[in-house]
Amino acid sequence: MSLGDRDLLSLLDDDARELLRDASKDRNGTVLATETFGGFSIETKQKNLIEGHDARSEARGRRILRQLLDLGLLEQRDRDGNIFSITDEGFRVVDLLS
């Protein structure tokens, strides 16, 4: 593993690693972020990452999503910012985590 790989992995917290791993197991590598009257949710592989629908849980979910987008491990697939896909780099990082 290169120094750059170690640096990248050190930037990912446990929550981001979990979402990335789960997304890599989804048949389409898709993450859905939705906001309804019931609250904000981030789902992949029929699993909701947001455990509570309180402000703290939702802020944590937004942080995780932003972290993976900023690192280029997920990419936005729609105009509204609700559908995301794991990138080639994201799959490579999942392999490094294994």
C-alpha atoms as a PDB file:
ATOM      1  CA  MET A   1       0.000   0.000   0.000  1.00  0.00           C
ATOM      2  CA  SER A   2       1.404   3.355  -1.012  1.00  0.00           C
ATOM      3  CA  LEU A   3       1.789   6.396   1.217  1.00  0.00           C
ATOM      4  CA  GLY A   4      -0.985   8.121  -0.742  1.00  0.00           C
ATOM      5  CA  ASP A   5      -3.303   5.181  -0.116  1.00  0.00           C
ATOM      6  CA  ARG A   6      -2.576   5.299   3.610  1.00  0.00           C
ATOM      7  CA  ASP A   7      -3.239   9.053   3.639  1.00  0.00           C
ATOM      8  CA  LEU A   8      -6.550   8.554   1.861  1.00  0.00           C
ATOM      9  CA  LEU A   9      -7.630   5.784   4.226  1.00  0.00           C
ATOM     10  CA  SER A  10      -6.702   7.923   7.230  1.00  0.00           C
ATOM     11  CA  LEU A  11      -9.171  10.571   6.021  1.00  0.00           C
ATOM     12  CA  LEU A  12     -12.083   8.135   6.153  1.00  0.00           C
ATOM     13  CA  ASP A  13     -13.819   7.693   9.462  1.00  0.00           C
ATOM     14  CA  ASP A  14     -15.588   4.456  10.384  1.00  0.00           C
ATOM     15  CA  ASP A  15     -19.000   5.729   9.234  1.00  0.00           C
ATOM     16  CA  ALA A  16     -17.702   6.669   5.778  1.00  0.00           C
ATOM     17  CA  ARG A  17     -15.955   3.319   5.469  1.00  0.00           C
ATOM     18  CA  GLU A  18     -19.200   1.524   6.363  1.00  0.00           C
ATOM     19  CA  LEU A  19     -21.226   3.427   3.754  1.00  0.00           C
ATOM     20  CA  LEU A  20     -18.564   2.838   1.104  1.00  0.00           C
ATOM     21  CA  ARG A  21     -18.427  -0.901   1.861  1.00  0.00           C
ATOM     22  CA  ASP A  22     -22.220  -1.159   1.811  1.00  0.00           C
ATOM     23  CA  ALA A  23     -22.452   0.761  -1.469  1.00  0.00           C
ATOM     24  CA  SER A  24     -19.879  -1.552  -3.038  1.00  0.00           C
ATOM     25  CA  LYS A  25     -22.140  -4.522  -2.215  1.00  0.00           C
ATOM     26  CA  ASP A  26     -25.147  -2.937  -3.891  1.00  0.00           C
ATOM     27  CA  ARG A  27     -25.730  -4.417  -7.349  1.00  0.00           C
ATOM     28  CA  ASN A  28     -25.593  -0.944  -8.929  1.00  0.00           C
ATOM     29  CA  GLY A  29     -23.197   0.646  -6.433  1.00  0.00           C
ATOM     30  CA  THR A  30     -25.881   3.223  -5.662  1.00  0.00           C
ATOM     31  CA  VAL A  31     -26.464   5.464  -2.655  1.00  0.00           C
ATOM     32  CA  LEU A  32     -29.773   7.314  -2.312  1.00  0.00           C
ATOM     33  CA  ALA A  33     -30.052  10.484  -0.229  1.00  0.00           C
ATOM     34  CA  THR A  34     -33.602  11.610   0.351  1.00  0.00           C
ATOM     35  CA  GLU A  35     -35.270  14.255   2.428  1.00  0.00           C
ATOM     36  CA  THR A  36     -38.935  13.955   3.313  1.00  0.00           C
ATOM     37  CA  PHE A  37     -41.183  15.266   6.037  1.00  0.00           C
ATOM     38  CA  GLY A  38     -39.996  12.248   8.020  1.00  0.00           C
ATOM     39  CA  GLY A  39     -36.380  13.437   7.838  1.00  0.00           C
ATOM     40  CA  PHE A  40     -33.160  12.866   5.925  1.00  0.00           C
ATOM     41  CA  SER A  41     -32.000   9.379   4.977  1.00  0.00           C
ATOM     42  CA  ILE A  42     -29.039   7.816   3.216  1.00  0.00           C
ATOM     43  CA  GLU A  43     -29.730   4.350   1.888  1.00  0.00           C
ATOM     44  CA  THR A  44     -27.816   1.662   0.073  1.00  0.00           C
ATOM     45  CA  LYS A  45     -28.424  -2.052  -0.198  1.00  0.00           C
ATOM     46  CA  GLN A  46     -31.822  -1.460   1.462  1.00  0.00           C
ATOM     47  CA  LYS A  47     -30.097  -0.189   4.599  1.00  0.00           C
ATOM     48  CA  ASN A  48     -30.606   3.293   6.048  1.00  0.00           C
ATOM     49  CA  LEU A  49     -27.376   4.776   7.416  1.00  0.00           C
ATOM     50  CA  ILE A  50     -29.261   7.378   9.458  1.00  0.00           C
ATOM     51  CA  GLU A  51     -30.330   5.568  12.615  1.00  0.00           C
ATOM     52  CA  GLY A  52     -32.316   8.361  14.235  1.00  0.00           C
ATOM     53  CA  HIS A  53     -34.243  11.155  12.614  1.00  0.00           C
ATOM     54  CA  ASP A  54     -32.848  13.862  14.827  1.00  0.00           C
ATOM     55  CA  ALA A  55     -30.693  16.804  13.798  1.00  0.00           C
ATOM     56  CA  ARG A  56     -27.468  15.193  15.066  1.00  0.00           C
ATOM     57  CA  SER A  57     -27.972  11.960  13.091  1.00  0.00           C
ATOM     58  CA  GLU A  58     -28.890  13.855   9.946  1.00  0.00           C
ATOM     59  CA  ALA A  59     -25.838  16.144  10.262  1.00  0.00           C
ATOM     60  CA  ARG A  60     -23.629  13.049  10.655  1.00  0.00           C
ATOM     61  CA  GLY A  61     -25.154  11.534   7.510  1.00  0.00           C
ATOM     62  CA  ARG A  62     -24.594  14.719   5.499  1.00  0.00           C
ATOM     63  CA  ARG A  63     -20.975  14.856   6.696  1.00  0.00           C
ATOM     64  CA  ILE A  64     -20.342  11.256   5.614  1.00  0.00           C
ATOM     65  CA  LEU A  65     -21.864  11.844   2.197  1.00  0.00           C
ATOM     66  CA  ARG A  66     -19.900  15.078   1.712  1.00  0.00           C
ATOM     67  CA  GLN A  67     -16.655  13.358   2.768  1.00  0.00           C
ATOM     68  CA  LEU A  68     -17.068  10.583   0.198  1.00  0.00           C
ATOM     69  CA  LEU A  69     -17.989  13.072  -2.529  1.00  0.00           C
ATOM     70  CA  ASP A  70     -15.070  15.389  -1.726  1.00  0.00           C
ATOM     71  CA  LEU A  71     -12.627  12.479  -1.903  1.00  0.00           C
ATOM     72  CA  GLY A  72     -14.047  11.343  -5.255  1.00  0.00           C
ATOM     73  CA  LEU A  73     -15.228   8.012  -3.881  1.00  0.00           C
ATOM     74  CA  LEU A  74     -18.860   8.742  -4.756  1.00  0.00           C
ATOM     75  CA  GLU A  75     -20.207  10.792  -7.656  1.00  0.00           C
ATOM     76  CA  GLN A  76     -23.536  12.513  -8.065  1.00  0.00           C
ATOM     77  CA  ARG A  77     -25.680  10.885 -10.753  1.00  0.00           C
ATOM     78  CA  ASP A  78     -28.682  13.195 -10.888  1.00  0.00           C
ATOM     79  CA  ARG A  79     -29.346  16.902 -11.026  1.00  0.00           C
ATOM     80  CA  ASP A  80     -31.032  17.089  -7.631  1.00  0.00           C
ATOM     81  CA  GLY A  81     -28.295  15.432  -5.572  1.00  0.00           C
ATOM     82  CA  ASN A  82     -30.314  12.413  -4.492  1.00  0.00           C
ATOM     83  CA  ILE A  83     -28.599   9.608  -6.420  1.00  0.00           C
ATOM     84  CA  PHE A  84     -24.922   8.787  -6.071  1.00  0.00           C
ATOM     85  CA  SER A  85     -22.727   5.990  -7.384  1.00  0.00           C
ATOM     86  CA  ILE A  86     -19.493   4.590  -6.106  1.00  0.00           C
ATOM     87  CA  THR A  87     -16.602   5.525  -8.393  1.00  0.00           C
ATOM     88  CA  ASP A  88     -13.765   3.367  -9.667  1.00  0.00           C
ATOM     89  CA  GLU A  89     -11.569   4.990  -7.000  1.00  0.00           C
ATOM     90  CA  GLY A  90     -14.243   4.153  -4.435  1.00  0.00           C
ATOM     91  CA  PHE A  91     -14.145   0.479  -5.396  1.00  0.00           C
ATOM     92  CA  ARG A  92     -10.352   0.576  -5.229  1.00  0.00           C
ATOM     93  CA  VAL A  93     -10.516   1.992  -1.688  1.00  0.00           C
ATOM     94  CA  VAL A  94     -12.989  -0.732  -0.666  1.00  0.00           C
ATOM     95  CA  ASP A  95     -10.450  -3.284  -1.874  1.00  0.00           C
ATOM     96  CA  LEU A  96      -7.788  -1.599   0.267  1.00  0.00           C
ATOM     97  CA  LEU A  97     -10.083  -1.755   3.291  1.00  0.00           C
ATOM     98  CA  SER A  98     -10.526  -5.516   2.899  1.00  0.00           C
END
